[in-house]
Amino acid sequence: MLEIRGKFRKIALQVVVTIAVIPFLIPIYTMIARSLEGRGWSNYLQVLKVPGFGRFFLNSALIATGSITIVYLATMMAAYAFSKLRVRFKEVYFWMLMAALTLPEVVLIAPLYVTAVRTGMLGTYWAVILPVAALQIPFTTLIARSYVDGIPDALFEAARIDGANAWRVFWNILVPLAKPIAVALGVLVLINAWNSYLLPKMFLINDDMGTVTLLPEFFKRQYNDDTPKVLAAAVLTALPEVLAYILLQKQFERGMAAGALK
């Protein structure tokens, strides 16, 4: 870890960091301040009174939980295979997976919609969970592989000498050692799944299957919007993500730092 010595250097670093944070704080402050315009905290009460408010959060939680579970299992197994197992042409497969990072969500809507209709998943949570998870796996595999590369090969070789097969090595060696990167993956996928708007809008066709990203639409009108209530809905929508990051901050930063450095 970089260590800064000297009082002047520490003050200079603090000033630089503070200036760097200001552009990110201004939008947050503006959003909260404007959400209190007019009726103040009553704007938040109006959002809480939206029909099915709790259901929106439950739907988003189900989608996020399903996406996190799938991404974690697929990512850790892929990282284990790409990093520690002898697989023919694994580098070719890895870069083919990385090529998927270039695919934006919007260009996949049409084929995903056709697939959802043909498989009977349209109007189910799986129609959102599976695409959300699939879109995250290339990036999460990239950082997880770097993390697994940092685990000494001697641990895996010792387990194999003791008679452990690949699956047992995965569950008993890799999974316990990969808790920091698991937390990082969970937070990243939570943010993307929780904020997903286009996929739920397209595939969750039943009225009781809406997600939190649809809450602001209750305060949009034909000619003008009730901006304070729209922003109040946005603040309430963001709270679970903010709390998750605050509670898991140390593990998240440790996992991301280890995953970014090989």
Protein backbone atom coordinates (compact mmCIF):
# COMPACT_ATOMS: atom_id res chain seq x y z
CA MET A 1 0.00 0.00 0.00
CA LEU A 2 1.27 3.48 -0.86
CA GLU A 3 2.45 5.33 2.22
CA ILE A 4 2.63 9.12 2.27
CA ARG A 5 5.16 10.60 4.68
CA GLY A 6 5.54 14.21 5.68
CA LYS A 7 2.91 16.64 6.90
CA PHE A 8 2.95 18.78 3.76
CA ARG A 9 2.48 15.76 1.46
CA LYS A 10 -0.42 14.48 3.54
CA ILE A 11 -2.14 17.87 3.41
CA ALA A 12 -1.55 18.11 -0.33
CA LEU A 13 -2.96 14.62 -0.86
CA GLN A 14 -6.02 15.45 1.26
CA VAL A 15 -6.64 18.59 -0.81
CA VAL A 16 -6.35 16.65 -4.07
CA VAL A 17 -8.69 13.91 -2.87
CA THR A 18 -11.23 16.47 -1.63
CA ILE A 19 -11.20 18.30 -4.97
CA ALA A 20 -11.59 14.99 -6.81
CA VAL A 21 -14.63 14.05 -4.72
CA ILE A 22 -16.48 17.36 -5.17
CA PRO A 23 -17.78 16.60 -8.74
CA PHE A 24 -19.37 13.40 -7.41
CA LEU A 25 -20.91 15.07 -4.36
CA ILE A 26 -22.57 17.93 -6.24
CA PRO A 27 -25.13 15.73 -8.10
CA ILE A 28 -25.93 13.82 -4.89
CA TYR A 29 -26.44 17.03 -2.93
CA THR A 30 -28.55 18.51 -5.72
CA MET A 31 -30.74 15.41 -5.92
CA ILE A 32 -31.40 15.34 -2.17
CA ALA A 33 -31.94 19.10 -1.95
CA ARG A 34 -34.41 19.19 -4.83
CA SER A 35 -36.25 16.15 -3.50
CA LEU A 36 -37.16 18.26 -0.44
CA GLU A 37 -38.52 21.19 -2.43
CA GLY A 38 -42.16 22.07 -2.04
CA ARG A 39 -43.59 19.76 0.60
CA GLY A 40 -40.28 18.69 2.13
CA TRP A 41 -40.31 15.23 3.67
CA SER A 42 -43.92 14.79 2.50
CA ASN A 43 -42.48 14.05 -0.94
CA TYR A 44 -40.94 10.90 0.48
CA LEU A 45 -44.21 9.96 2.17
CA GLN A 46 -45.97 10.23 -1.18
CA VAL A 47 -43.44 7.86 -2.69
CA LEU A 48 -43.97 5.40 0.15
CA LYS A 49 -47.71 5.52 -0.57
CA VAL A 50 -47.29 4.39 -4.18
CA PRO A 51 -49.44 1.27 -4.69
CA GLY A 52 -47.25 -1.81 -4.44
CA PHE A 53 -44.22 0.12 -3.15
CA GLY A 54 -42.99 -2.85 -1.10
CA ARG A 55 -43.57 -5.19 -4.01
CA PHE A 56 -41.28 -3.11 -6.22
CA PHE A 57 -38.45 -3.54 -3.72
CA LEU A 58 -39.17 -7.27 -3.35
CA ASN A 59 -39.07 -7.77 -7.12
CA SER A 60 -35.75 -5.94 -7.38
CA ALA A 61 -34.37 -7.96 -4.46
CA LEU A 62 -35.37 -11.24 -6.15
CA ILE A 63 -33.73 -10.21 -9.43
CA ALA A 64 -30.58 -9.01 -7.65
CA THR A 65 -30.32 -12.17 -5.53
CA GLY A 66 -30.77 -14.48 -8.50
CA SER A 67 -28.26 -12.51 -10.58
CA ILE A 68 -25.66 -12.45 -7.80
CA THR A 69 -25.97 -16.20 -7.23
CA ILE A 70 -25.57 -17.07 -10.91
CA VAL A 71 -22.73 -14.62 -11.49
CA TYR A 72 -20.83 -15.78 -8.40
CA LEU A 73 -21.00 -19.48 -9.27
CA ALA A 74 -20.24 -19.01 -12.97
CA THR A 75 -17.49 -16.46 -12.35
CA MET A 76 -15.62 -18.39 -9.66
CA MET A 77 -15.73 -21.63 -11.65
CA ALA A 78 -14.56 -19.82 -14.78
CA ALA A 79 -11.79 -18.01 -12.88
CA TYR A 80 -10.66 -21.31 -11.34
CA ALA A 81 -10.55 -23.02 -14.73
CA PHE A 82 -8.79 -20.17 -16.53
CA SER A 83 -6.24 -19.67 -13.75
CA LYS A 84 -5.44 -23.06 -12.21
CA LEU A 85 -6.68 -25.88 -14.44
CA ARG A 86 -5.04 -27.29 -17.53
CA VAL A 87 -7.61 -26.67 -20.24
CA ARG A 88 -6.80 -26.80 -23.95
CA PHE A 89 -7.16 -23.44 -25.69
CA LYS A 90 -8.26 -21.80 -22.47
CA GLU A 91 -6.74 -18.48 -23.51
CA VAL A 92 -8.80 -18.57 -26.70
CA TYR A 93 -11.95 -19.21 -24.68
CA PHE A 94 -10.99 -16.45 -22.26
CA TRP A 95 -10.59 -13.81 -24.96
CA MET A 96 -13.78 -14.96 -26.66
CA LEU A 97 -15.49 -14.29 -23.32
CA MET A 98 -13.79 -10.89 -23.09
CA ALA A 99 -15.13 -10.05 -26.55
CA ALA A 100 -18.61 -10.16 -25.03
CA LEU A 101 -17.71 -7.00 -23.10
CA THR A 102 -18.18 -5.08 -26.35
CA LEU A 103 -21.86 -6.04 -26.61
CA PRO A 104 -24.15 -3.29 -25.29
CA GLU A 105 -27.40 -4.29 -23.64
CA VAL A 106 -29.60 -2.42 -26.11
CA VAL A 107 -28.49 -4.41 -29.20
CA LEU A 108 -29.46 -7.65 -27.45
CA ILE A 109 -33.05 -6.65 -26.69
CA ALA A 110 -34.57 -8.05 -29.90
CA PRO A 111 -32.92 -11.52 -29.75
CA LEU A 112 -33.51 -11.71 -26.00
CA TYR A 113 -37.19 -10.89 -26.47
CA VAL A 114 -37.59 -13.57 -29.16
CA THR A 115 -35.80 -16.08 -26.94
CA ALA A 116 -37.98 -15.22 -23.94
CA VAL A 117 -41.16 -15.69 -26.01
CA ARG A 118 -40.05 -19.01 -27.49
CA THR A 119 -38.92 -20.43 -24.16
CA GLY A 120 -42.02 -19.25 -22.31
CA MET A 121 -40.01 -17.05 -19.94
CA LEU A 122 -41.65 -13.75 -20.95
CA GLY A 123 -43.34 -12.31 -17.89
CA THR A 124 -41.12 -14.25 -15.47
CA TYR A 125 -38.20 -13.12 -13.35
CA TRP A 126 -35.87 -15.45 -15.25
CA ALA A 127 -36.31 -13.35 -18.38
CA VAL A 128 -34.46 -10.57 -16.52
CA ILE A 129 -32.19 -12.52 -14.17
CA LEU A 130 -30.46 -14.59 -16.86
CA PRO A 131 -29.59 -11.67 -19.22
CA VAL A 132 -28.51 -9.43 -16.33
CA ALA A 133 -26.22 -12.18 -15.03
CA ALA A 134 -24.85 -13.04 -18.47
CA LEU A 135 -23.95 -9.42 -19.19
CA GLN A 136 -21.93 -9.21 -15.95
CA ILE A 137 -19.99 -12.47 -16.24
CA PRO A 138 -17.27 -11.33 -18.71
CA PHE A 139 -16.16 -8.41 -16.52
CA THR A 140 -16.45 -10.30 -13.24
CA THR A 141 -14.45 -13.18 -14.70
CA LEU A 142 -11.73 -10.74 -15.73
CA ILE A 143 -11.20 -9.40 -12.20
CA ALA A 144 -11.79 -12.76 -10.48
CA ARG A 145 -9.16 -14.49 -12.62
CA SER A 146 -6.58 -11.90 -11.57
CA TYR A 147 -7.50 -12.54 -7.93
CA VAL A 148 -7.21 -16.32 -8.30
CA ASP A 149 -3.86 -15.90 -10.08
CA GLY A 150 -2.58 -14.37 -6.84
CA ILE A 151 -3.35 -17.50 -4.79
CA PRO A 152 -0.20 -19.70 -4.59
CA ASP A 153 -0.30 -22.78 -6.79
CA ALA A 154 1.31 -24.74 -3.94
CA LEU A 155 -2.00 -24.78 -2.05
CA PHE A 156 -3.80 -26.42 -4.96
CA GLU A 157 -0.96 -28.85 -5.64
CA ALA A 158 -0.90 -29.91 -1.97
CA ALA A 159 -4.64 -30.57 -2.06
CA ARG A 160 -4.27 -32.68 -5.21
CA ILE A 161 -1.43 -34.67 -3.64
CA ASP A 162 -3.74 -35.40 -0.69
CA GLY A 163 -6.24 -36.88 -3.15
CA ALA A 164 -8.68 -34.01 -3.59
CA ASN A 165 -10.31 -33.80 -6.99
CA ALA A 166 -10.95 -30.54 -8.89
CA TRP A 167 -14.38 -29.97 -7.33
CA ARG A 168 -13.15 -30.51 -3.78
CA VAL A 169 -10.21 -28.17 -4.37
CA PHE A 170 -12.64 -25.57 -5.68
CA TRP A 171 -15.03 -25.74 -2.70
CA ASN A 172 -12.51 -26.32 0.10
CA ILE A 173 -9.56 -24.21 -1.07
CA LEU A 174 -10.64 -21.56 -3.54
CA VAL A 175 -14.04 -20.55 -2.17
CA PRO A 176 -12.85 -19.86 1.41
CA LEU A 177 -9.84 -17.88 0.14
CA ALA A 178 -11.91 -15.87 -2.32
CA LYS A 179 -14.27 -14.15 0.13
CA PRO A 180 -13.00 -10.61 -0.63
CA ILE A 181 -13.50 -10.99 -4.37
CA ALA A 182 -16.88 -12.64 -3.71
CA VAL A 183 -18.00 -9.52 -1.82
CA ALA A 184 -16.70 -7.30 -4.63
CA LEU A 185 -18.61 -9.35 -7.21
CA GLY A 186 -21.75 -9.23 -5.09
CA VAL A 187 -21.67 -5.44 -4.76
CA LEU A 188 -20.97 -4.90 -8.47
CA VAL A 189 -23.76 -7.21 -9.59
CA LEU A 190 -26.14 -5.75 -7.00
CA ILE A 191 -25.61 -2.26 -8.41
CA ASN A 192 -26.15 -3.37 -12.00
CA ALA A 193 -29.14 -5.61 -11.27
CA TRP A 194 -30.78 -3.09 -8.93
CA ASN A 195 -30.41 -0.26 -11.46
CA SER A 196 -31.51 -2.32 -14.46
CA TYR A 197 -34.32 -0.48 -16.22
CA LEU A 198 -34.61 -1.63 -19.83
CA LEU A 199 -34.78 -5.39 -19.25
CA PRO A 200 -37.49 -5.28 -16.52
CA LYS A 201 -39.42 -2.75 -18.59
CA MET A 202 -39.41 -5.08 -21.60
CA PHE A 203 -39.83 -8.52 -20.04
CA LEU A 204 -41.82 -8.07 -16.81
CA ILE A 205 -45.16 -7.49 -18.49
CA ASN A 206 -47.35 -8.03 -15.42
CA ASP A 207 -48.27 -4.96 -13.38
CA ASP A 208 -47.23 -6.55 -10.07
CA MET A 209 -43.72 -7.38 -11.33
CA GLY A 210 -42.32 -3.86 -11.59
CA THR A 211 -38.95 -2.97 -10.07
CA VAL A 212 -37.75 0.05 -8.11
CA THR A 213 -36.44 1.72 -11.28
CA LEU A 214 -40.07 2.20 -12.34
CA LEU A 215 -41.06 4.17 -9.22
CA PRO A 216 -40.25 7.62 -10.68
CA GLU A 217 -42.71 6.95 -13.52
CA PHE A 218 -45.61 7.32 -11.07
CA PHE A 219 -44.79 11.02 -10.85
CA LYS A 220 -44.26 11.73 -14.55
CA ARG A 221 -47.05 13.53 -16.35
CA GLN A 222 -47.90 14.25 -19.97
CA TYR A 223 -46.61 17.81 -20.05
CA ASN A 224 -44.47 18.14 -16.91
CA ASP A 225 -43.03 16.02 -14.13
CA ASP A 226 -43.32 16.29 -10.37
CA THR A 227 -39.54 16.64 -10.09
CA PRO A 228 -39.23 16.64 -6.26
CA LYS A 229 -41.15 13.36 -5.98
CA VAL A 230 -39.22 11.84 -8.89
CA LEU A 231 -35.96 12.66 -7.10
CA ALA A 232 -37.35 11.43 -3.77
CA ALA A 233 -38.12 8.10 -5.46
CA ALA A 234 -34.57 8.04 -6.84
CA VAL A 235 -33.11 8.63 -3.36
CA LEU A 236 -35.17 5.82 -1.81
CA THR A 237 -34.26 3.53 -4.69
CA ALA A 238 -30.53 4.12 -4.15
CA LEU A 239 -30.56 3.52 -0.38
CA PRO A 240 -30.11 -0.31 -0.46
CA GLU A 241 -27.07 0.01 -2.73
CA VAL A 242 -25.51 2.71 -0.58
CA LEU A 243 -26.05 0.71 2.61
CA ALA A 244 -24.66 -2.45 1.03
CA TYR A 245 -21.50 -0.63 -0.04
CA ILE A 246 -21.02 1.04 3.36
CA LEU A 247 -21.40 -2.27 5.21
CA LEU A 248 -19.10 -4.17 2.83
CA GLN A 249 -16.70 -1.37 1.96
CA LYS A 250 -13.50 -2.88 3.36
CA GLN A 251 -14.04 -6.31 1.80
CA PHE A 252 -15.13 -4.70 -1.49
CA GLU A 253 -12.04 -2.50 -1.74
CA ARG A 254 -9.77 -5.39 -0.78
CA GLY A 255 -11.32 -7.65 -3.40
CA MET A 256 -11.22 -5.01 -6.15
CA ALA A 257 -7.63 -4.08 -5.34
CA ALA A 258 -6.52 -7.72 -5.42
CA GLY A 259 -8.51 -8.38 -8.58
CA ALA A 260 -7.05 -5.38 -10.38
CA LEU A 261 -3.43 -6.31 -9.66
CA LYS A 262 -1.86 -9.50 -10.92
